Amino acid sequence: MNTFWTQLFAYLNGGFYSINSFIAGRFICLLAGERKNSLFFGSDKMVHVSAVYHTIISTYKMQGVSVLDYFKRFLILISKRR
């Protein structure tokens, strides 16, 4: 803690960021059920695919972007490349 003492007080005095973790907690809570489901994915590869999928969805939800619109645009761009 001695190493980061100056940065900690700069963080507290700056007032730019919230000190609680409620936002992160809301998104992590949604993934708690996914941990149980990952036991039945069949392989490590599918667990990683699911983690990437949920990371993308959570990131876009936090940014206020429509996940459905994002995936529509993504799939249209992929289909045009082939």
Protein backbone atom coordinates (compact mmCIF):
# COMPACT_ATOMS: atom_id res chain seq x y z
CA MET A 1 0.00 0.00 0.00
CA ASN A 2 2.93 2.33 0.59
CA THR A 3 3.75 2.09 -3.10
CA PHE A 4 0.32 3.37 -4.16
CA TRP A 5 -0.36 5.83 -1.33
CA THR A 6 0.07 8.94 -3.51
CA GLN A 7 -2.08 7.54 -6.31
CA LEU A 8 -4.79 6.51 -3.83
CA PHE A 9 -5.15 10.03 -2.48
CA ALA A 10 -5.02 11.50 -5.97
CA TYR A 11 -7.93 9.20 -6.82
CA LEU A 12 -9.88 10.22 -3.72
CA ASN A 13 -9.22 13.94 -4.10
CA GLY A 14 -9.88 14.00 -7.84
CA GLY A 15 -13.55 13.11 -7.57
CA PHE A 16 -13.74 11.94 -11.17
CA TYR A 17 -14.56 8.31 -10.41
CA SER A 18 -17.05 6.59 -8.18
CA ILE A 19 -15.45 4.68 -5.33
CA ASN A 20 -18.07 1.92 -5.26
CA SER A 21 -18.24 -1.10 -7.49
CA PHE A 22 -22.01 -1.36 -7.96
CA ILE A 23 -21.81 -1.06 -11.74
CA ALA A 24 -19.27 -3.86 -12.06
CA GLY A 25 -21.19 -5.93 -9.53
CA ARG A 26 -24.39 -5.77 -11.55
CA PHE A 27 -22.68 -7.23 -14.61
CA ILE A 28 -20.73 -9.83 -12.65
CA CYS A 29 -23.91 -10.98 -10.89
CA LEU A 30 -25.47 -11.79 -14.26
CA LEU A 31 -22.54 -14.04 -15.08
CA ALA A 32 -22.74 -16.01 -11.84
CA GLY A 33 -25.39 -18.32 -13.33
CA GLU A 34 -23.20 -18.77 -16.37
CA ARG A 35 -20.50 -20.33 -14.21
CA LYS A 36 -22.81 -23.22 -13.37
CA ASN A 37 -23.81 -23.64 -17.01
CA SER A 38 -20.18 -23.77 -18.12
CA LEU A 39 -19.88 -27.21 -16.54
CA PHE A 40 -22.04 -28.55 -19.37
CA PHE A 41 -20.40 -26.83 -22.37
CA GLY A 42 -18.48 -29.96 -23.30
CA SER A 43 -15.05 -28.41 -23.83
CA ASP A 44 -12.74 -25.67 -22.65
CA LYS A 45 -13.00 -24.02 -26.05
CA MET A 46 -16.75 -23.45 -25.67
CA VAL A 47 -16.24 -21.99 -22.19
CA HIS A 48 -13.84 -19.44 -23.71
CA VAL A 49 -16.30 -18.67 -26.53
CA SER A 50 -19.02 -18.05 -23.96
CA ALA A 51 -16.74 -15.79 -21.91
CA VAL A 52 -15.93 -13.68 -24.98
CA TYR A 53 -19.61 -13.49 -25.92
CA HIS A 54 -20.66 -12.34 -22.44
CA THR A 55 -17.78 -9.86 -22.25
CA ILE A 56 -18.91 -8.23 -25.50
CA ILE A 57 -22.52 -8.06 -24.36
CA SER A 58 -21.64 -6.61 -20.95
CA THR A 59 -19.32 -4.02 -22.47
CA TYR A 60 -21.93 -2.78 -24.91
CA LYS A 61 -24.62 -2.70 -22.21
CA MET A 62 -22.32 -0.59 -19.99
CA GLN A 63 -21.71 1.81 -22.89
CA GLY A 64 -25.45 2.10 -23.61
CA VAL A 65 -25.15 0.54 -27.08
CA SER A 66 -27.93 -1.73 -28.31
CA VAL A 67 -26.50 -5.25 -28.33
CA LEU A 68 -29.01 -6.39 -30.95
CA ASP A 69 -28.06 -3.55 -33.31
CA TYR A 70 -24.37 -4.30 -32.79
CA PHE A 71 -24.77 -7.97 -33.66
CA LYS A 72 -26.93 -7.13 -36.69
CA ARG A 73 -24.22 -4.80 -38.04
CA PHE A 74 -21.50 -7.31 -37.17
CA LEU A 75 -23.20 -10.17 -39.00
CA ILE A 76 -23.92 -7.98 -42.05
CA LEU A 77 -20.25 -6.98 -42.24
CA ILE A 78 -19.11 -10.58 -41.92
CA SER A 79 -21.45 -11.73 -44.68
CA LYS A 80 -20.16 -9.00 -47.02
CA ARG A 81 -16.54 -10.08 -46.57
CA ARG A 82 -17.13 -13.58 -47.95
